[in-house]
Amino acid sequence: MTQYSLSRREFLKVAAVGSTVTLIAACQPAGPAAQSGEAGGQAAAPTELRFIKLAMSDPVPVYFEDTVIPGFEEANSGLTVTVDM
């Protein structure tokens, strides 16, 4: 039996590739049942996301609260966004 030991550089390459593949797999879109909000015939519970607003100039929070957050909630049914200071 041939024994082969990985060098540190080879180990780091393998670990990086494995991590990248895992991250890409985790970012894949959900299947049709999960996208529609149904799991086994039951509706998914609503989810609340918290947007933590740091000190911003006046136009930025207004833009987020009046445009971005309502558009996000409309595109993602079942999700609500709460703004925290």
C-alpha atoms as a PDB file:
ATOM      1  CA  MET A   1       0.000   0.000   0.000  1.00  0.00           C
ATOM      2  CA  THR A   2       1.378   3.388  -0.975  1.00  0.00           C
ATOM      3  CA  GLN A   3       1.333   6.027   1.699  1.00  0.00           C
ATOM      4  CA  TYR A   4       0.821   9.613   0.622  1.00  0.00           C
ATOM      5  CA  SER A   5       0.867  12.576   2.949  1.00  0.00           C
ATOM      6  CA  LEU A   6      -0.552  15.933   1.995  1.00  0.00           C
ATOM      7  CA  SER A   7       1.609  18.984   2.278  1.00  0.00           C
ATOM      8  CA  ARG A   8       0.155  21.997   4.037  1.00  0.00           C
ATOM      9  CA  ARG A   9      -0.389  23.745   0.698  1.00  0.00           C
ATOM     10  CA  GLU A  10      -2.182  20.720  -0.804  1.00  0.00           C
ATOM     11  CA  PHE A  11      -4.367  20.375   2.281  1.00  0.00           C
ATOM     12  CA  LEU A  12      -5.335  24.064   2.095  1.00  0.00           C
ATOM     13  CA  LYS A  13      -6.222  23.683  -1.609  1.00  0.00           C
ATOM     14  CA  VAL A  14      -8.452  20.683  -0.875  1.00  0.00           C
ATOM     15  CA  ALA A  15     -10.081  22.479   2.066  1.00  0.00           C
ATOM     16  CA  ALA A  16     -10.709  25.599  -0.050  1.00  0.00           C
ATOM     17  CA  VAL A  17     -12.308  23.593  -2.862  1.00  0.00           C
ATOM     18  CA  GLY A  18     -14.465  21.665  -0.392  1.00  0.00           C
ATOM     19  CA  SER A  19     -15.600  24.856   1.321  1.00  0.00           C
ATOM     20  CA  THR A  20     -16.391  26.530  -1.986  1.00  0.00           C
ATOM     21  CA  VAL A  21     -18.455  23.577  -3.189  1.00  0.00           C
ATOM     22  CA  THR A  22     -20.364  23.530   0.111  1.00  0.00           C
ATOM     23  CA  LEU A  23     -21.112  27.259  -0.082  1.00  0.00           C
ATOM     24  CA  ILE A  24     -22.285  27.006  -3.683  1.00  0.00           C
ATOM     25  CA  ALA A  25     -24.559  24.087  -2.803  1.00  0.00           C
ATOM     26  CA  ALA A  26     -26.024  26.049   0.121  1.00  0.00           C
ATOM     27  CA  CYS A  27     -26.803  29.002  -2.161  1.00  0.00           C
ATOM     28  CA  GLN A  28     -28.895  26.984  -4.610  1.00  0.00           C
ATOM     29  CA  PRO A  29     -32.552  28.066  -4.828  1.00  0.00           C
ATOM     30  CA  ALA A  30     -35.108  26.079  -2.905  1.00  0.00           C
ATOM     31  CA  GLY A  31     -37.292  23.540  -4.665  1.00  0.00           C
ATOM     32  CA  PRO A  32     -40.828  24.353  -5.870  1.00  0.00           C
ATOM     33  CA  ALA A  33     -42.525  23.214  -2.634  1.00  0.00           C
ATOM     34  CA  ALA A  34     -40.261  25.391  -0.480  1.00  0.00           C
ATOM     35  CA  GLN A  35     -40.616  28.416  -2.775  1.00  0.00           C
ATOM     36  CA  SER A  36     -44.404  28.295  -2.629  1.00  0.00           C
ATOM     37  CA  GLY A  37     -44.292  28.290   1.172  1.00  0.00           C
ATOM     38  CA  GLU A  38     -45.645  24.773   1.521  1.00  0.00           C
ATOM     39  CA  ALA A  39     -43.922  21.869   3.221  1.00  0.00           C
ATOM     40  CA  GLY A  40     -45.903  18.665   3.126  1.00  0.00           C
ATOM     41  CA  GLY A  41     -49.181  20.524   2.537  1.00  0.00           C
ATOM     42  CA  GLN A  42     -48.688  22.922   5.441  1.00  0.00           C
ATOM     43  CA  ALA A  43     -48.117  26.644   5.033  1.00  0.00           C
ATOM     44  CA  ALA A  44     -44.761  27.901   6.270  1.00  0.00           C
ATOM     45  CA  ALA A  45     -44.776  30.210   9.276  1.00  0.00           C
ATOM     46  CA  PRO A  46     -44.137  33.892   8.526  1.00  0.00           C
ATOM     47  CA  THR A  47     -40.563  35.004   9.105  1.00  0.00           C
ATOM     48  CA  GLU A  48     -39.478  38.345  10.499  1.00  0.00           C
ATOM     49  CA  LEU A  49     -36.169  39.835   9.406  1.00  0.00           C
ATOM     50  CA  ARG A  50     -34.554  42.629  11.406  1.00  0.00           C
ATOM     51  CA  PHE A  51     -32.789  45.411   9.535  1.00  0.00           C
ATOM     52  CA  ILE A  52     -30.343  47.133  11.873  1.00  0.00           C
ATOM     53  CA  LYS A  53     -30.017  50.741  10.838  1.00  0.00           C
ATOM     54  CA  LEU A  54     -26.846  52.480  11.886  1.00  0.00           C
ATOM     55  CA  ALA A  55     -26.376  56.235  11.826  1.00  0.00           C
ATOM     56  CA  MET A  56     -27.083  57.240   8.238  1.00  0.00           C
ATOM     57  CA  SER A  57     -27.804  60.509   6.528  1.00  0.00           C
ATOM     58  CA  ASP A  58     -31.495  61.317   6.132  1.00  0.00           C
ATOM     59  CA  PRO A  59     -32.014  60.224   2.485  1.00  0.00           C
ATOM     60  CA  VAL A  60     -30.672  56.693   3.059  1.00  0.00           C
ATOM     61  CA  PRO A  61     -33.141  55.510   5.773  1.00  0.00           C
ATOM     62  CA  VAL A  62     -36.036  57.134   3.941  1.00  0.00           C
ATOM     63  CA  TYR A  63     -35.080  55.286   0.745  1.00  0.00           C
ATOM     64  CA  PHE A  64     -34.840  51.947   2.583  1.00  0.00           C
ATOM     65  CA  GLU A  65     -38.081  52.372   4.546  1.00  0.00           C
ATOM     66  CA  ASP A  66     -40.136  53.771   1.635  1.00  0.00           C
ATOM     67  CA  THR A  67     -38.728  51.839  -1.356  1.00  0.00           C
ATOM     68  CA  VAL A  68     -36.388  48.937  -0.652  1.00  0.00           C
ATOM     69  CA  ILE A  69     -38.123  47.227   2.277  1.00  0.00           C
ATOM     70  CA  PRO A  70     -41.678  47.336   0.812  1.00  0.00           C
ATOM     71  CA  GLY A  71     -40.338  46.036  -2.509  1.00  0.00           C
ATOM     72  CA  PHE A  72     -38.482  43.220  -0.742  1.00  0.00           C
ATOM     73  CA  GLU A  73     -41.564  42.234   1.288  1.00  0.00           C
ATOM     74  CA  GLU A  74     -43.704  42.262  -1.865  1.00  0.00           C
ATOM     75  CA  ALA A  75     -41.245  40.036  -3.749  1.00  0.00           C
ATOM     76  CA  ASN A  76     -40.854  37.637  -0.789  1.00  0.00           C
ATOM     77  CA  SER A  77     -44.257  36.718   0.618  1.00  0.00           C
ATOM     78  CA  GLY A  78     -44.157  35.459   4.162  1.00  0.00           C
ATOM     79  CA  LEU A  79     -41.209  37.700   5.090  1.00  0.00           C
ATOM     80  CA  THR A  80     -41.553  40.932   7.030  1.00  0.00           C
ATOM     81  CA  VAL A  81     -38.784  43.389   7.766  1.00  0.00           C
ATOM     82  CA  THR A  82     -38.544  45.281  11.052  1.00  0.00           C
ATOM     83  CA  VAL A  83     -36.185  48.256  11.216  1.00  0.00           C
ATOM     84  CA  ASP A  84     -34.134  48.613  14.404  1.00  0.00           C
ATOM     85  CA  MET A  85     -32.119  51.692  15.309  1.00  0.00           C
END
